[in-house]
C-alpha atoms as a PDB file:
ATOM      1  CA  MET A   1     -13.642 -12.103  17.152  1.00  0.00           C
ATOM      2  CA  ASP A   2     -16.491 -14.637  16.344  1.00  0.00           C
ATOM      3  CA  GLY A   3     -16.720 -16.611  13.261  1.00  0.00           C
ATOM      4  CA  MET A   4     -19.115 -14.058  11.280  1.00  0.00           C
ATOM      5  CA  ASP A   5     -16.387 -11.333  12.331  1.00  0.00           C
ATOM      6  CA  ASP A   6     -13.574 -13.309  10.912  1.00  0.00           C
ATOM      7  CA  LEU A   7     -15.728 -13.543   7.974  1.00  0.00           C
ATOM      8  CA  VAL A   8     -16.265 -10.085   7.725  1.00  0.00           C
ATOM      9  CA  GLN A   9     -12.406  -9.394   7.790  1.00  0.00           C
ATOM     10  CA  PHE A  10     -11.978 -11.884   5.068  1.00  0.00           C
ATOM     11  CA  LEU A  11     -14.589 -10.722   2.760  1.00  0.00           C
ATOM     12  CA  ARG A  12     -12.848  -7.063   3.389  1.00  0.00           C
ATOM     13  CA  ASN A  13      -9.316  -8.455   2.396  1.00  0.00           C
ATOM     14  CA  ARG A  14     -10.492 -10.073  -0.587  1.00  0.00           C
ATOM     15  CA  LEU A  15     -12.498  -7.098  -1.473  1.00  0.00           C
ATOM     16  CA  ASP A  16      -9.386  -4.933  -1.179  1.00  0.00           C
ATOM     17  CA  GLU A  17      -7.142  -7.242  -3.380  1.00  0.00           C
ATOM     18  CA  ASP A  18      -9.891  -7.476  -5.963  1.00  0.00           C
ATOM     19  CA  GLU A  19      -9.957  -3.826  -5.887  1.00  0.00           C
ATOM     20  CA  ALA A  20      -6.087  -3.334  -5.968  1.00  0.00           C
ATOM     21  CA  THR A  21      -5.593  -5.902  -9.162  1.00  0.00           C
ATOM     22  CA  ALA A  22      -8.535  -3.850 -11.186  1.00  0.00           C
ATOM     23  CA  ARG A  23      -7.013  -0.897 -10.333  1.00  0.00           C
ATOM     24  CA  ARG A  24      -3.544  -1.998 -12.008  1.00  0.00           C
ATOM     25  CA  VAL A  25      -5.000  -2.650 -15.192  1.00  0.00           C
ATOM     26  CA  PRO A  26      -4.835   0.363 -17.315  1.00  0.00           C
ATOM     27  CA  LEU A  27      -8.113   1.541 -18.750  1.00  0.00           C
ATOM     28  CA  SER A  28      -6.496   1.755 -22.183  1.00  0.00           C
ATOM     29  CA  GLN A  29      -5.581  -2.260 -22.068  1.00  0.00           C
ATOM     30  CA  ALA A  30      -9.458  -2.972 -20.307  1.00  0.00           C
ATOM     31  CA  PRO A  31     -11.465  -5.331 -22.845  1.00  0.00           C
ATOM     32  CA  VAL A  32     -14.810  -3.812 -24.680  1.00  0.00           C
ATOM     33  CA  GLU A  33     -16.521  -6.127 -23.749  1.00  0.00           C
ATOM     34  CA  LEU A  34     -17.984  -6.977 -20.288  1.00  0.00           C
ATOM     35  CA  ARG A  35     -16.368 -10.375 -20.439  1.00  0.00           C
ATOM     36  CA  ALA A  36     -14.117 -11.546 -23.391  1.00  0.00           C
ATOM     37  CA  LEU A  37     -12.564 -14.529 -24.328  1.00  0.00           C
ATOM     38  CA  VAL A  38      -8.709 -13.967 -25.306  1.00  0.00           C
ATOM     39  CA  PRO A  39      -6.303 -16.207 -26.939  1.00  0.00           C
ATOM     40  CA  ARG A  40      -2.837 -16.528 -25.181  1.00  0.00           C
ATOM     41  CA  ALA A  41       0.129 -17.709 -27.133  1.00  0.00           C
ATOM     42  CA  GLY A  42      -0.490 -21.481 -27.795  1.00  0.00           C
ATOM     43  CA  GLY A  43      -4.040 -21.562 -28.205  1.00  0.00           C
ATOM     44  CA  ASP A  44      -5.316 -21.299 -25.447  1.00  0.00           C
ATOM     45  CA  LEU A  45      -7.622 -18.885 -23.892  1.00  0.00           C
ATOM     46  CA  TYR A  46      -8.079 -16.892 -20.777  1.00  0.00           C
ATOM     47  CA  LEU A  47     -11.393 -14.727 -19.326  1.00  0.00           C
ATOM     48  CA  ALA A  48     -10.468 -10.863 -19.530  1.00  0.00           C
ATOM     49  CA  ILE A  49     -12.797  -8.929 -17.527  1.00  0.00           C
ATOM     50  CA  ASP A  50     -13.442  -5.307 -17.414  1.00  0.00           C
ATOM     51  CA  PRO A  51     -11.760  -3.670 -14.580  1.00  0.00           C
ATOM     52  CA  ALA A  52     -14.535  -0.965 -14.329  1.00  0.00           C
ATOM     53  CA  ARG A  53     -16.975  -3.792 -13.757  1.00  0.00           C
ATOM     54  CA  VAL A  54     -14.808  -5.215 -11.265  1.00  0.00           C
ATOM     55  CA  LEU A  55     -14.553  -1.966  -9.496  1.00  0.00           C
ATOM     56  CA  ARG A  56     -18.535  -1.864  -9.440  1.00  0.00           C
ATOM     57  CA  GLU A  57     -18.606  -5.237  -8.208  1.00  0.00           C
ATOM     58  CA  VAL A  58     -16.443  -4.471  -5.519  1.00  0.00           C
ATOM     59  CA  GLU A  59     -17.957  -1.633  -4.242  1.00  0.00           C
ATOM     60  CA  ALA A  60     -21.179  -3.210  -4.054  1.00  0.00           C
ATOM     61  CA  LYS A  61     -20.006  -6.090  -2.208  1.00  0.00           C
ATOM     62  CA  GLN A  62     -18.286  -3.697  -0.108  1.00  0.00           C
ATOM     63  CA  GLN A  63     -21.702  -2.114   0.994  1.00  0.00           C
ATOM     64  CA  ILE A  64     -23.104  -5.165   1.436  1.00  0.00           C
ATOM     65  CA  VAL A  65     -20.544  -6.185   4.263  1.00  0.00           C
ATOM     66  CA  GLU A  66     -20.402  -2.565   5.868  1.00  0.00           C
ATOM     67  CA  GLN A  67     -24.630  -2.838   5.832  1.00  0.00           C
ATOM     68  CA  TYR A  68     -24.061  -6.252   7.790  1.00  0.00           C
ATOM     69  CA  LYS A  69     -21.591  -4.750  10.412  1.00  0.00           C
ATOM     70  CA  SER A  70     -24.074  -1.619  10.776  1.00  0.00           C
ATOM     71  CA  ILE A  71     -27.081  -3.655  11.481  1.00  0.00           C
ATOM     72  CA  CYS A  72     -25.484  -6.837  13.296  1.00  0.00           C
ATOM     73  CA  ASN A  73     -22.644  -5.413  15.196  1.00  0.00           C
ATOM     74  CA  PRO A  74     -23.999  -4.484  17.994  1.00  0.00           C
ATOM     75  CA  PRO A  75     -27.175  -6.560  17.085  1.00  0.00           C
ATOM     76  CA  HIS A  76     -30.232  -4.616  16.672  1.00  0.00           C
ATOM     77  CA  GLU A  77     -33.217  -5.686  18.830  1.00  0.00           C
ATOM     78  CA  GLU A  78     -35.441  -5.151  15.315  1.00  0.00           C
ATOM     79  CA  PHE A  79     -33.834  -6.211  12.092  1.00  0.00           C
ATOM     80  CA  GLY A  80     -37.100  -5.109  10.237  1.00  0.00           C
ATOM     81  CA  PRO A  81     -39.828  -7.117   8.599  1.00  0.00           C
ATOM     82  CA  ALA A  82     -37.945  -8.593   5.914  1.00  0.00           C
ATOM     83  CA  LEU A  83     -34.351  -9.392   7.354  1.00  0.00           C
ATOM     84  CA  SER A  84     -32.920 -11.368  10.439  1.00  0.00           C
ATOM     85  CA  ARG A  85     -29.301 -11.802  11.173  1.00  0.00           C
ATOM     86  CA  ALA A  86     -29.353 -15.309   9.918  1.00  0.00           C
ATOM     87  CA  GLU A  87     -30.756 -14.048   6.209  1.00  0.00           C
ATOM     88  CA  LEU A  88     -27.997 -11.452   6.402  1.00  0.00           C
ATOM     89  CA  SER A  89     -25.198 -13.962   7.453  1.00  0.00           C
ATOM     90  CA  ARG A  90     -26.108 -16.152   4.700  1.00  0.00           C
ATOM     91  CA  VAL A  91     -25.633 -13.492   2.350  1.00  0.00           C
ATOM     92  CA  LEU A  92     -22.298 -12.981   3.421  1.00  0.00           C
ATOM     93  CA  ARG A  93     -21.800 -16.190   3.462  1.00  0.00           C
ATOM     94  CA  LEU A  94     -22.849 -16.816  -0.325  1.00  0.00           C
ATOM     95  CA  LEU A  95     -20.319 -13.619  -1.233  1.00  0.00           C
ATOM     96  CA  ALA A  96     -17.416 -15.503   0.240  1.00  0.00           C
ATOM     97  CA  LEU A  97     -18.011 -18.364  -1.845  1.00  0.00           C
ATOM     98  CA  THR A  98     -16.800 -16.437  -4.322  1.00  0.00           C
ATOM     99  CA  TYR A  99     -13.441 -17.157  -2.587  1.00  0.00           C
ATOM    100  CA  ALA A 100     -13.471 -20.279  -1.606  1.00  0.00           C
ATOM    101  CA  ASP A 101     -10.476 -21.370  -3.289  1.00  0.00           C
ATOM    102  CA  HIS A 102      -8.394 -19.001  -1.118  1.00  0.00           C
ATOM    103  CA  PRO A 103      -6.199 -21.293   1.772  1.00  0.00           C
ATOM    104  CA  ASP A 104      -8.068 -18.648   4.270  1.00  0.00           C
ATOM    105  CA  TYR A 105     -11.156 -19.712   3.310  1.00  0.00           C
ATOM    106  CA  ARG A 106     -12.964 -21.850   6.244  1.00  0.00           C
ATOM    107  CA  ASP A 107     -15.119 -24.461   5.107  1.00  0.00           C
ATOM    108  CA  ASP A 108     -17.511 -23.519   8.173  1.00  0.00           C
ATOM    109  CA  TRP A 109     -18.762 -20.610   6.114  1.00  0.00           C
ATOM    110  CA  ARG A 110     -20.219 -22.491   3.487  1.00  0.00           C
ATOM    111  CA  PRO A 111     -23.979 -21.449   3.367  1.00  0.00           C
END
């Protein structure tokens, strides 16, 4: 498995985790706003994100990852006038930045 295959699998794993976490939040407890600062005991704030938004984001990112796989594995002779393998790889690297603090993230994936 080359570095990009590893990156694709890393992204799939993180997106599966994000989806599972978002699905555990009961819709009745979801924040009304897209994002809301919610006070905790002791006065600290935390960011609450609507799980429906997280699920939409996960779906969009999954489609990007699958589009990369369908175009680049096996490599096609032509990517079209606007896309190259390097450009698509950069998109995946940018998506992975979201998870740069994860222990499985590799620095060689940085764009």
